[in-house]
Amino acid sequence: MLFLNRTFYKLIILYCFVITCFTSTMSNTPIIEHGYIDRMHPAVILLEVSQEEWVIADEKMPKNSKEGMWVDVDVYAHEVLAINEEKTKKERRKIQQLQEKLRKNTKF
């Protein structure tokens, strides 16, 4: 029984150590998420995953930011990192394909 208690306490200590190391490492790691620029002046960014809406001052936005573009944001720092050209092009292609599909299926 004594052996079981020592093993249990060792596991608890190991568990606490691992959790402490993991959380301290994660706290400095930025969480990057895609955001859609819905409006400008000030910028309103709609975050894709967390479903949040951010209002960011224009001077804190990347140069050449426009409505309809996608950006990468750091969720913890609450800042816009850069315009995501690849995501913007991909989403525009999707929209064009959906519009074409609608036109084909619409009969007047």
PDB file of N, CA and C in Angstrom:
ATOM      1  N   MET A   1       0.822  -1.195   0.000  1.00  0.00           N
ATOM      2  CA  MET A   1       0.000   0.000   0.000  1.00  0.00           C
ATOM      3  C   MET A   1       0.864   1.256   0.000  1.00  0.00           C
ATOM      4  N   LEU A   2       1.970   1.226   0.714  1.00  0.00           N
ATOM      5  CA  LEU A   2       2.872   2.370   0.764  1.00  0.00           C
ATOM      6  C   LEU A   2       3.441   2.664  -0.617  1.00  0.00           C
ATOM      7  N   PHE A   3       3.772   1.611  -1.370  1.00  0.00           N
ATOM      8  CA  PHE A   3       4.300   1.778  -2.727  1.00  0.00           C
ATOM      9  C   PHE A   3       3.272   2.465  -3.627  1.00  0.00           C
ATOM     10  N   LEU A   4       2.023   2.085  -3.481  1.00  0.00           N
ATOM     11  CA  LEU A   4       0.961   2.651  -4.286  1.00  0.00           C
ATOM     12  C   LEU A   4       0.798   4.145  -4.011  1.00  0.00           C
ATOM     13  N   ASN A   5       0.889   4.537  -2.776  1.00  0.00           N
ATOM     14  CA  ASN A   5       0.766   5.945  -2.414  1.00  0.00           C
ATOM     15  C   ASN A   5       1.921   6.766  -2.992  1.00  0.00           C
ATOM     16  N   ARG A   6       3.145   6.254  -2.915  1.00  0.00           N
ATOM     17  CA  ARG A   6       4.306   6.974  -3.460  1.00  0.00           C
ATOM     18  C   ARG A   6       4.187   7.110  -4.978  1.00  0.00           C
ATOM     19  N   THR A   7       3.765   6.060  -5.632  1.00  0.00           N
ATOM     20  CA  THR A   7       3.598   6.104  -7.083  1.00  0.00           C
ATOM     21  C   THR A   7       2.526   7.123  -7.452  1.00  0.00           C
ATOM     22  N   PHE A   8       1.467   7.142  -6.710  1.00  0.00           N
ATOM     23  CA  PHE A   8       0.393   8.091  -6.963  1.00  0.00           C
ATOM     24  C   PHE A   8       0.898   9.527  -6.824  1.00  0.00           C
ATOM     25  N   TYR A   9       1.632   9.814  -5.754  1.00  0.00           N
ATOM     26  CA  TYR A   9       2.157  11.162  -5.544  1.00  0.00           C
ATOM     27  C   TYR A   9       3.181  11.547  -6.607  1.00  0.00           C
ATOM     28  N   LYS A  10       3.987  10.582  -7.040  1.00  0.00           N
ATOM     29  CA  LYS A  10       4.948  10.863  -8.106  1.00  0.00           C
ATOM     30  C   LYS A  10       4.225  11.212  -9.403  1.00  0.00           C
ATOM     31  N   LEU A  11       3.165  10.492  -9.692  1.00  0.00           N
ATOM     32  CA  LEU A  11       2.389  10.794 -10.898  1.00  0.00           C
ATOM     33  C   LEU A  11       1.726  12.168 -10.819  1.00  0.00           C
ATOM     34  N   ILE A  12       1.236  12.517  -9.652  1.00  0.00           N
ATOM     35  CA  ILE A  12       0.620  13.838  -9.466  1.00  0.00           C
ATOM     36  C   ILE A  12       1.662  14.932  -9.680  1.00  0.00           C
ATOM     37  N   ILE A  13       2.841  14.771  -9.116  1.00  0.00           N
ATOM     38  CA  ILE A  13       3.908  15.765  -9.273  1.00  0.00           C
ATOM     39  C   ILE A  13       4.324  15.865 -10.741  1.00  0.00           C
ATOM     40  N   LEU A  14       4.470  14.736 -11.408  1.00  0.00           N
ATOM     41  CA  LEU A  14       4.832  14.728 -12.819  1.00  0.00           C
ATOM     42  C   LEU A  14       3.757  15.419 -13.654  1.00  0.00           C
ATOM     43  N   TYR A  15       2.506  15.139 -13.349  1.00  0.00           N
ATOM     44  CA  TYR A  15       1.390  15.755 -14.070  1.00  0.00           C
ATOM     45  C   TYR A  15       1.425  17.283 -13.897  1.00  0.00           C
ATOM     46  N   CYS A  16       1.620  17.762 -12.677  1.00  0.00           N
ATOM     47  CA  CYS A  16       1.680  19.205 -12.423  1.00  0.00           C
ATOM     48  C   CYS A  16       2.846  19.845 -13.170  1.00  0.00           C
ATOM     49  N   PHE A  17       3.980  19.167 -13.198  1.00  0.00           N
ATOM     50  CA  PHE A  17       5.150  19.680 -13.899  1.00  0.00           C
ATOM     51  C   PHE A  17       4.880  19.812 -15.398  1.00  0.00           C
ATOM     52  N   VAL A  18       4.286  18.785 -15.969  1.00  0.00           N
ATOM     53  CA  VAL A  18       3.996  18.798 -17.414  1.00  0.00           C
ATOM     54  C   VAL A  18       2.995  19.901 -17.741  1.00  0.00           C
ATOM     55  N   ILE A  19       1.957  20.036 -16.969  1.00  0.00           N
ATOM     56  CA  ILE A  19       0.948  21.075 -17.192  1.00  0.00           C
ATOM     57  C   ILE A  19       1.578  22.457 -17.082  1.00  0.00           C
ATOM     58  N   THR A  20       2.428  22.663 -16.100  1.00  0.00           N
ATOM     59  CA  THR A  20       3.093  23.956 -15.923  1.00  0.00           C
ATOM     60  C   THR A  20       3.976  24.283 -17.119  1.00  0.00           C
ATOM     61  N   CYS A  21       4.744  23.319 -17.582  1.00  0.00           N
ATOM     62  CA  CYS A  21       5.617  23.545 -18.739  1.00  0.00           C
ATOM     63  C   CYS A  21       4.794  23.823 -19.992  1.00  0.00           C
ATOM     64  N   PHE A  22       3.743  23.081 -20.181  1.00  0.00           N
ATOM     65  CA  PHE A  22       2.916  23.236 -21.374  1.00  0.00           C
ATOM     66  C   PHE A  22       2.250  24.603 -21.410  1.00  0.00           C
ATOM     67  N   THR A  23       1.667  25.035 -20.305  1.00  0.00           N
ATOM     68  CA  THR A  23       0.973  26.327 -20.297  1.00  0.00           C
ATOM     69  C   THR A  23       1.940  27.486 -20.418  1.00  0.00           C
ATOM     70  N   SER A  24       3.132  27.381 -19.847  1.00  0.00           N
ATOM     71  CA  SER A  24       4.083  28.482 -19.977  1.00  0.00           C
ATOM     72  C   SER A  24       4.596  28.583 -21.410  1.00  0.00           C
ATOM     73  N   THR A  25       4.711  27.471 -22.112  1.00  0.00           N
ATOM     74  CA  THR A  25       5.134  27.481 -23.506  1.00  0.00           C
ATOM     75  C   THR A  25       4.023  28.034 -24.382  1.00  0.00           C
ATOM     76  N   MET A  26       2.808  27.652 -24.116  1.00  0.00           N
ATOM     77  CA  MET A  26       1.677  28.078 -24.936  1.00  0.00           C
ATOM     78  C   MET A  26       1.360  29.559 -24.758  1.00  0.00           C
ATOM     79  N   SER A  27       1.661  30.138 -23.610  1.00  0.00           N
ATOM     80  CA  SER A  27       1.291  31.532 -23.376  1.00  0.00           C
ATOM     81  C   SER A  27       2.061  32.480 -24.280  1.00  0.00           C
ATOM     82  N   ASN A  28       3.241  32.099 -24.757  1.00  0.00           N
ATOM     83  CA  ASN A  28       4.028  32.953 -25.638  1.00  0.00           C
ATOM     84  C   ASN A  28       3.796  32.637 -27.110  1.00  0.00           C
ATOM     85  N   THR A  29       3.041  31.608 -27.403  1.00  0.00           N
ATOM     86  CA  THR A  29       2.805  31.197 -28.771  1.00  0.00           C
ATOM     87  C   THR A  29       1.593  31.942 -29.327  1.00  0.00           C
ATOM     88  N   PRO A  30       1.776  32.681 -30.416  1.00  0.00           N
ATOM     89  CA  PRO A  30       0.619  33.387 -30.968  1.00  0.00           C
ATOM     90  C   PRO A  30      -0.372  32.421 -31.609  1.00  0.00           C
ATOM     91  N   ILE A  31      -1.619  32.757 -31.517  1.00  0.00           N
ATOM     92  CA  ILE A  31      -2.671  32.007 -32.190  1.00  0.00           C
ATOM     93  C   ILE A  31      -3.058  32.836 -33.418  1.00  0.00           C
ATOM     94  N   ILE A  32      -2.787  32.290 -34.587  1.00  0.00           N
ATOM     95  CA  ILE A  32      -3.060  32.995 -35.833  1.00  0.00           C
ATOM     96  C   ILE A  32      -4.404  32.523 -36.387  1.00  0.00           C
ATOM     97  N   GLU A  33      -5.220  33.479 -36.771  1.00  0.00           N
ATOM     98  CA  GLU A  33      -6.533  33.178 -37.313  1.00  0.00           C
ATOM     99  C   GLU A  33      -6.777  34.073 -38.527  1.00  0.00           C
ATOM    100  N   HIS A  34      -7.623  33.606 -39.444  1.00  0.00           N
ATOM    101  CA  HIS A  34      -7.989  34.412 -40.603  1.00  0.00           C
ATOM    102  C   HIS A  34      -9.126  35.346 -40.225  1.00  0.00           C
ATOM    103  N   GLY A  35      -9.054  36.555 -40.757  1.00  0.00           N
ATOM    104  CA  GLY A  35     -10.132  37.515 -40.556  1.00  0.00           C
ATOM    105  C   GLY A  35     -10.497  38.181 -41.870  1.00  0.00           C
ATOM    106  N   TYR A  36     -11.756  38.522 -42.023  1.00  0.00           N
ATOM    107  CA  TYR A  36     -12.274  39.152 -43.235  1.00  0.00           C
ATOM    108  C   TYR A  36     -12.519  40.626 -42.954  1.00  0.00           C
ATOM    109  N   ILE A  37     -11.979  41.503 -43.812  1.00  0.00           N
ATOM    110  CA  ILE A  37     -12.201  42.937 -43.632  1.00  0.00           C
ATOM    111  C   ILE A  37     -13.578  43.262 -44.198  1.00  0.00           C
ATOM    112  N   ASP A  38     -14.511  43.526 -43.303  1.00  0.00           N
ATOM    113  CA  ASP A  38     -15.886  43.808 -43.699  1.00  0.00           C
ATOM    114  C   ASP A  38     -16.073  45.282 -44.064  1.00  0.00           C
ATOM    115  N   ARG A  39     -15.442  46.155 -43.312  1.00  0.00           N
ATOM    116  CA  ARG A  39     -15.546  47.600 -43.543  1.00  0.00           C
ATOM    117  C   ARG A  39     -14.223  48.261 -43.179  1.00  0.00           C
ATOM    118  N   MET A  40     -14.066  49.490 -43.659  1.00  0.00           N
ATOM    119  CA  MET A  40     -12.896  50.295 -43.307  1.00  0.00           C
ATOM    120  C   MET A  40     -13.365  51.623 -42.701  1.00  0.00           C
ATOM    121  N   HIS A  41     -12.472  52.299 -42.019  1.00  0.00           N
ATOM    122  CA  HIS A  41     -12.664  53.649 -41.424  1.00  0.00           C
ATOM    123  C   HIS A  41     -13.654  53.648 -40.275  1.00  0.00           C
ATOM    124  N   PRO A  42     -13.445  53.035 -39.179  1.00  0.00           N
ATOM    125  CA  PRO A  42     -12.373  52.113 -38.814  1.00  0.00           C
ATOM    126  C   PRO A  42     -12.634  50.728 -39.397  1.00  0.00           C
ATOM    127  N   ALA A  43     -11.595  49.915 -39.377  1.00  0.00           N
ATOM    128  CA  ALA A  43     -11.689  48.573 -39.955  1.00  0.00           C
ATOM    129  C   ALA A  43     -12.514  47.662 -39.042  1.00  0.00           C
ATOM    130  N   VAL A  44     -13.425  46.938 -39.650  1.00  0.00           N
ATOM    131  CA  VAL A  44     -14.208  45.921 -38.935  1.00  0.00           C
ATOM    132  C   VAL A  44     -13.780  44.581 -39.507  1.00  0.00           C
ATOM    133  N   ILE A  45     -13.211  43.741 -38.658  1.00  0.00           N
ATOM    134  CA  ILE A  45     -12.700  42.442 -39.094  1.00  0.00           C
ATOM    135  C   ILE A  45     -13.546  41.349 -38.462  1.00  0.00           C
ATOM    136  N   LEU A  46     -14.021  40.436 -39.305  1.00  0.00           N
ATOM    137  CA  LEU A  46     -14.816  39.296 -38.846  1.00  0.00           C
ATOM    138  C   LEU A  46     -13.900  38.084 -38.806  1.00  0.00           C
ATOM    139  N   LEU A  47     -13.687  37.526 -37.627  1.00  0.00           N
ATOM    140  CA  LEU A  47     -12.793  36.383 -37.477  1.00  0.00           C
ATOM    141  C   LEU A  47     -13.513  35.099 -37.858  1.00  0.00           C
ATOM    142  N   GLU A  48     -12.818  34.291 -38.647  1.00  0.00           N
ATOM    143  CA  GLU A  48     -13.421  33.105 -39.237  1.00  0.00           C
ATOM    144  C   GLU A  48     -13.745  32.021 -38.212  1.00  0.00           C
ATOM    145  N   VAL A  49     -12.800  31.658 -37.380  1.00  0.00           N
ATOM    146  CA  VAL A  49     -12.987  30.522 -36.474  1.00  0.00           C
ATOM    147  C   VAL A  49     -13.714  30.921 -35.193  1.00  0.00           C
ATOM    148  N   SER A  50     -13.246  31.953 -34.542  1.00  0.00           N
ATOM    149  CA  SER A  50     -13.821  32.322 -33.247  1.00  0.00           C
ATOM    150  C   SER A  50     -15.123  33.110 -33.373  1.00  0.00           C
ATOM    151  N   GLN A  51     -15.499  33.483 -34.615  1.00  0.00           N
ATOM    152  CA  GLN A  51     -16.761  34.186 -34.855  1.00  0.00           C
ATOM    153  C   GLN A  51     -16.855  35.486 -34.060  1.00  0.00           C
ATOM    154  N   GLU A  52     -15.726  36.203 -33.971  1.00  0.00           N
ATOM    155  CA  GLU A  52     -15.695  37.483 -33.276  1.00  0.00           C
ATOM    156  C   GLU A  52     -15.658  38.613 -34.289  1.00  0.00           C
ATOM    157  N   GLU A  53     -15.999  39.796 -33.825  1.00  0.00           N
ATOM    158  CA  GLU A  53     -15.909  40.997 -34.645  1.00  0.00           C
ATOM    159  C   GLU A  53     -14.969  41.968 -33.948  1.00  0.00           C
ATOM    160  N   TRP A  54     -13.919  42.367 -34.657  1.00  0.00           N
ATOM    161  CA  TRP A  54     -12.950  43.320 -34.107  1.00  0.00           C
ATOM    162  C   TRP A  54     -13.081  44.644 -34.832  1.00  0.00           C
ATOM    163  N   VAL A  55     -12.912  45.719 -34.088  1.00  0.00           N
ATOM    164  CA  VAL A  55     -12.832  47.051 -34.677  1.00  0.00           C
ATOM    165  C   VAL A  55     -11.407  47.534 -34.446  1.00  0.00           C
ATOM    166  N   ILE A  56     -10.710  47.802 -35.553  1.00  0.00           N
ATOM    167  CA  ILE A  56      -9.291  48.180 -35.506  1.00  0.00           C
ATOM    168  C   ILE A  56      -9.121  49.545 -36.158  1.00  0.00           C
ATOM    169  N   ALA A  57      -8.327  50.403 -35.546  1.00  0.00           N
ATOM    170  CA  ALA A  57      -8.035  51.714 -36.124  1.00  0.00           C
ATOM    171  C   ALA A  57      -7.304  51.548 -37.457  1.00  0.00           C
ATOM    172  N   ASP A  58      -7.581  52.434 -38.393  1.00  0.00           N
ATOM    173  CA  ASP A  58      -6.987  52.337 -39.730  1.00  0.00           C
ATOM    174  C   ASP A  58      -5.460  52.343 -39.698  1.00  0.00           C
ATOM    175  N   GLU A  59      -4.873  53.111 -38.814  1.00  0.00           N
ATOM    176  CA  GLU A  59      -3.407  53.193 -38.759  1.00  0.00           C
ATOM    177  C   GLU A  59      -2.754  51.893 -38.260  1.00  0.00           C
ATOM    178  N   LYS A  60      -3.534  51.018 -37.649  1.00  0.00           N
ATOM    179  CA  LYS A  60      -3.002  49.729 -37.195  1.00  0.00           C
ATOM    180  C   LYS A  60      -3.207  48.613 -38.224  1.00  0.00           C
ATOM    181  N   MET A  61      -3.816  48.950 -39.340  1.00  0.00           N
ATOM    182  CA  MET A  61      -4.041  47.969 -40.408  1.00  0.00           C
ATOM    183  C   MET A  61      -2.845  47.942 -41.358  1.00  0.00           C
ATOM    184  N   PRO A  62      -2.594  46.798 -42.015  1.00  0.00           N
ATOM    185  CA  PRO A  62      -1.507  46.735 -42.993  1.00  0.00           C
ATOM    186  C   PRO A  62      -1.759  47.717 -44.149  1.00  0.00           C
ATOM    187  N   LYS A  63      -0.682  48.201 -44.729  1.00  0.00           N
ATOM    188  CA  LYS A  63      -0.778  49.118 -45.856  1.00  0.00           C
ATOM    189  C   LYS A  63      -1.541  48.442 -46.996  1.00  0.00           C
ATOM    190  N   ASN A  64      -2.353  49.199 -47.709  1.00  0.00           N
ATOM    191  CA  ASN A  64      -3.160  48.740 -48.842  1.00  0.00           C
ATOM    192  C   ASN A  64      -4.313  47.815 -48.439  1.00  0.00           C
ATOM    193  N   SER A  65      -4.722  47.833 -47.186  1.00  0.00           N
ATOM    194  CA  SER A  65      -5.872  47.030 -46.763  1.00  0.00           C
ATOM    195  C   SER A  65      -7.146  47.607 -47.357  1.00  0.00           C
ATOM    196  N   LYS A  66      -8.023  46.721 -47.816  1.00  0.00           N
ATOM    197  CA  LYS A  66      -9.293  47.146 -48.406  1.00  0.00           C
ATOM    198  C   LYS A  66     -10.401  46.205 -47.954  1.00  0.00           C
ATOM    199  N   GLU A  67     -11.615  46.685 -48.078  1.00  0.00           N
ATOM    200  CA  GLU A  67     -12.774  45.843 -47.784  1.00  0.00           C
ATOM    201  C   GLU A  67     -12.750  44.631 -48.693  1.00  0.00           C
ATOM    202  N   GLY A  68     -13.137  43.476 -48.148  1.00  0.00           N
ATOM    203  CA  GLY A  68     -13.195  42.251 -48.939  1.00  0.00           C
ATOM    204  C   GLY A  68     -11.919  41.432 -48.913  1.00  0.00           C
ATOM    205  N   MET A  69     -10.877  41.943 -48.281  1.00  0.00           N
ATOM    206  CA  MET A  69      -9.615  41.188 -48.185  1.00  0.00           C
ATOM    207  C   MET A  69      -9.616  40.331 -46.926  1.00  0.00           C
ATOM    208  N   TRP A  70      -8.779  39.304 -46.960  1.00  0.00           N
ATOM    209  CA  TRP A  70      -8.563  38.457 -45.786  1.00  0.00           C
ATOM    210  C   TRP A  70      -7.216  38.811 -45.181  1.00  0.00           C
ATOM    211  N   VAL A  71      -7.154  38.793 -43.852  1.00  0.00           N
ATOM    212  CA  VAL A  71      -5.924  39.106 -43.136  1.00  0.00           C
ATOM    213  C   VAL A  71      -5.637  38.020 -42.108  1.00  0.00           C
ATOM    214  N   ASP A  72      -4.378  37.943 -41.701  1.00  0.00           N
ATOM    215  CA  ASP A  72      -3.982  37.058 -40.605  1.00  0.00           C
ATOM    216  C   ASP A  72      -3.909  37.906 -39.344  1.00  0.00           C
ATOM    217  N   VAL A  73      -4.520  37.422 -38.272  1.00  0.00           N
ATOM    218  CA  VAL A  73      -4.530  38.161 -37.012  1.00  0.00           C
ATOM    219  C   VAL A  73      -3.961  37.300 -35.891  1.00  0.00           C
ATOM    220  N   ASP A  74      -3.337  37.955 -34.936  1.00  0.00           N
ATOM    221  CA  ASP A  74      -2.863  37.305 -33.724  1.00  0.00           C
ATOM    222  C   ASP A  74      -3.951  37.503 -32.676  1.00  0.00           C
ATOM    223  N   VAL A  75      -4.593  36.414 -32.304  1.00  0.00           N
ATOM    224  CA  VAL A  75      -5.746  36.493 -31.404  1.00  0.00           C
ATOM    225  C   VAL A  75      -5.348  37.022 -30.026  1.00  0.00           C
ATOM    226  N   TYR A  76      -4.209  36.560 -29.478  1.00  0.00           N
ATOM    227  CA  TYR A  76      -3.798  36.994 -28.142  1.00  0.00           C
ATOM    228  C   TYR A  76      -3.338  38.436 -28.114  1.00  0.00           C
ATOM    229  N   ALA A  77      -2.576  38.850 -29.118  1.00  0.00           N
ATOM    230  CA  ALA A  77      -2.065  40.222 -29.149  1.00  0.00           C
ATOM    231  C   ALA A  77      -3.118  41.206 -29.662  1.00  0.00           C
ATOM    232  N   HIS A  78      -4.213  40.672 -30.196  1.00  0.00           N
ATOM    233  CA  HIS A  78      -5.291  41.489 -30.745  1.00  0.00           C
ATOM    234  C   HIS A  78      -4.744  42.469 -31.786  1.00  0.00           C
ATOM    235  N   GLU A  79      -3.993  41.911 -32.755  1.00  0.00           N
ATOM    236  CA  GLU A  79      -3.441  42.758 -33.803  1.00  0.00           C
ATOM    237  C   GLU A  79      -3.486  42.058 -35.156  1.00  0.00           C
ATOM    238  N   VAL A  80      -3.552  42.868 -36.182  1.00  0.00           N
ATOM    239  CA  VAL A  80      -3.555  42.369 -37.550  1.00  0.00           C
ATOM    240  C   VAL A  80      -2.102  42.248 -37.991  1.00  0.00           C
ATOM    241  N   LEU A  81      -1.718  41.051 -38.468  1.00  0.00           N
ATOM    242  CA  LEU A  81      -0.334  40.810 -38.842  1.00  0.00           C
ATOM    243  C   LEU A  81      -0.040  41.162 -40.293  1.00  0.00           C
ATOM    244  N   ALA A  82      -0.887  40.683 -41.216  1.00  0.00           N
ATOM    245  CA  ALA A  82      -0.612  40.893 -42.635  1.00  0.00           C
ATOM    246  C   ALA A  82      -1.844  40.571 -43.465  1.00  0.00           C
ATOM    247  N   ILE A  83      -1.847  41.077 -44.689  1.00  0.00           N
ATOM    248  CA  ILE A  83      -2.878  40.711 -45.654  1.00  0.00           C
ATOM    249  C   ILE A  83      -2.559  39.307 -46.152  1.00  0.00           C
ATOM    250  N   ASN A  84      -3.561  38.459 -46.225  1.00  0.00           N
ATOM    251  CA  ASN A  84      -3.376  37.093 -46.706  1.00  0.00           C
ATOM    252  C   ASN A  84      -3.881  37.028 -48.153  1.00  0.00           C
ATOM    253  N   GLU A  85      -2.961  37.260 -49.088  1.00  0.00           N
ATOM    254  CA  GLU A  85      -3.314  37.304 -50.513  1.00  0.00           C
ATOM    255  C   GLU A  85      -3.861  35.965 -50.999  1.00  0.00           C
ATOM    256  N   GLU A  86      -3.254  34.881 -50.547  1.00  0.00           N
ATOM    257  CA  GLU A  86      -3.675  33.543 -50.988  1.00  0.00           C
ATOM    258  C   GLU A  86      -5.121  33.250 -50.572  1.00  0.00           C
ATOM    259  N   LYS A  87      -5.438  33.519 -49.329  1.00  0.00           N
ATOM    260  CA  LYS A  87      -6.800  33.283 -48.821  1.00  0.00           C
ATOM    261  C   LYS A  87      -7.791  34.200 -49.541  1.00  0.00           C
ATOM    262  N   THR A  88      -7.402  35.446 -49.790  1.00  0.00           N
ATOM    263  CA  THR A  88      -8.274  36.382 -50.490  1.00  0.00           C
ATOM    264  C   THR A  88      -8.605  35.869 -51.885  1.00  0.00           C
ATOM    265  N   LYS A  89      -7.601  35.423 -52.622  1.00  0.00           N
ATOM    266  CA  LYS A  89      -7.825  34.897 -53.980  1.00  0.00           C
ATOM    267  C   LYS A  89      -8.695  33.649 -53.950  1.00  0.00           C
ATOM    268  N   LYS A  90      -8.414  32.761 -53.010  1.00  0.00           N
ATOM    269  CA  LYS A  90      -9.171  31.511 -52.892  1.00  0.00           C
ATOM    270  C   LYS A  90     -10.647  31.779 -52.625  1.00  0.00           C
ATOM    271  N   GLU A  91     -10.923  32.687 -51.702  1.00  0.00           N
ATOM    272  CA  GLU A  91     -12.314  32.993 -51.346  1.00  0.00           C
ATOM    273  C   GLU A  91     -13.024  33.723 -52.480  1.00  0.00           C
ATOM    274  N   ARG A  92     -12.322  34.583 -53.210  1.00  0.00           N
ATOM    275  CA  ARG A  92     -12.931  35.263 -54.357  1.00  0.00           C
ATOM    276  C   ARG A  92     -13.292  34.267 -55.451  1.00  0.00           C
ATOM    277  N   ARG A  93     -12.410  33.272 -55.676  1.00  0.00           N
ATOM    278  CA  ARG A  93     -12.706  32.227 -56.653  1.00  0.00           C
ATOM    279  C   ARG A  93     -13.962  31.452 -56.255  1.00  0.00           C
ATOM    280  N   LYS A  94     -14.080  31.137 -54.964  1.00  0.00           N
ATOM    281  CA  LYS A  94     -15.256  30.423 -54.460  1.00  0.00           C
ATOM    282  C   LYS A  94     -16.530  31.225 -54.715  1.00  0.00           C
ATOM    283  N   ILE A  95     -16.457  32.519 -54.452  1.00  0.00           N
ATOM    284  CA  ILE A  95     -17.619  33.390 -54.647  1.00  0.00           C
ATOM    285  C   ILE A  95     -18.001  33.430 -56.124  1.00  0.00           C
ATOM    286  N   GLN A  96     -17.010  33.565 -57.007  1.00  0.00           N
ATOM    287  CA  GLN A  96     -17.287  33.590 -58.442  1.00  0.00           C
ATOM    288  C   GLN A  96     -17.935  32.292 -58.903  1.00  0.00           C
ATOM    289  N   GLN A  97     -17.441  31.168 -58.412  1.00  0.00           N
ATOM    290  CA  GLN A  97     -18.018  29.877 -58.796  1.00  0.00           C
ATOM    291  C   GLN A  97     -19.463  29.756 -58.316  1.00  0.00           C
ATOM    292  N   LEU A  98     -19.740  30.205 -57.115  1.00  0.00           N
ATOM    293  CA  LEU A  98     -21.111  30.163 -56.598  1.00  0.00           C
ATOM    294  C   LEU A  98     -22.032  31.086 -57.392  1.00  0.00           C
ATOM    295  N   GLN A  99     -21.535  32.266 -57.762  1.00  0.00           N
ATOM    296  CA  GLN A  99     -22.344  33.185 -58.557  1.00  0.00           C
ATOM    297  C   GLN A  99     -22.658  32.590 -59.930  1.00  0.00           C
ATOM    298  N   GLU A 100     -21.664  31.963 -60.550  1.00  0.00           N
ATOM    299  CA  GLU A 100     -21.880  31.327 -61.848  1.00  0.00           C
ATOM    300  C   GLU A 100     -22.895  30.184 -61.737  1.00  0.00           C
ATOM    301  N   LYS A 101     -22.786  29.418 -60.681  1.00  0.00           N
ATOM    302  CA  LYS A 101     -23.735  28.320 -60.450  1.00  0.00           C
ATOM    303  C   LYS A 101     -25.159  28.859 -60.289  1.00  0.00           C
ATOM    304  N   LEU A 102     -25.292  29.962 -59.561  1.00  0.00           N
ATOM    305  CA  LEU A 102     -26.607  30.579 -59.393  1.00  0.00           C
ATOM    306  C   LEU A 102     -27.160  31.067 -60.727  1.00  0.00           C
ATOM    307  N   ARG A 103     -26.306  31.695 -61.543  1.00  0.00           N
ATOM    308  CA  ARG A 103     -26.752  32.189 -62.852  1.00  0.00           C
ATOM    309  C   ARG A 103     -27.224  31.050 -63.752  1.00  0.00           C
ATOM    310  N   LYS A 104     -26.523  29.925 -63.696  1.00  0.00           N
ATOM    311  CA  LYS A 104     -26.901  28.775 -64.527  1.00  0.00           C
ATOM    312  C   LYS A 104     -28.243  28.184 -64.095  1.00  0.00           C
ATOM    313  N   ASN A 105     -28.476  28.176 -62.797  1.00  0.00           N
ATOM    314  CA  ASN A 105     -29.698  27.566 -62.258  1.00  0.00           C
ATOM    315  C   ASN A 105     -30.894  28.503 -62.217  1.00  0.00           C
ATOM    316  N   THR A 106     -30.667  29.791 -62.486  1.00  0.00           N
ATOM    317  CA  THR A 106     -31.745  30.753 -62.445  1.00  0.00           C
ATOM    318  C   THR A 106     -32.356  30.883 -63.826  1.00  0.00           C
ATOM    319  N   LYS A 107     -33.661  30.710 -63.903  1.00  0.00           N
ATOM    320  CA  LYS A 107     -34.369  30.828 -65.188  1.00  0.00           C
ATOM    321  C   LYS A 107     -35.301  32.027 -65.113  1.00  0.00           C
ATOM    322  N   PHE A 108     -35.216  32.880 -66.114  1.00  0.00           N
ATOM    323  CA  PHE A 108     -36.085  34.056 -66.145  1.00  0.00           C
ATOM    324  C   PHE A 108     -37.188  33.851 -67.129  1.00  0.00           C
TER     325      PHE A 108
END
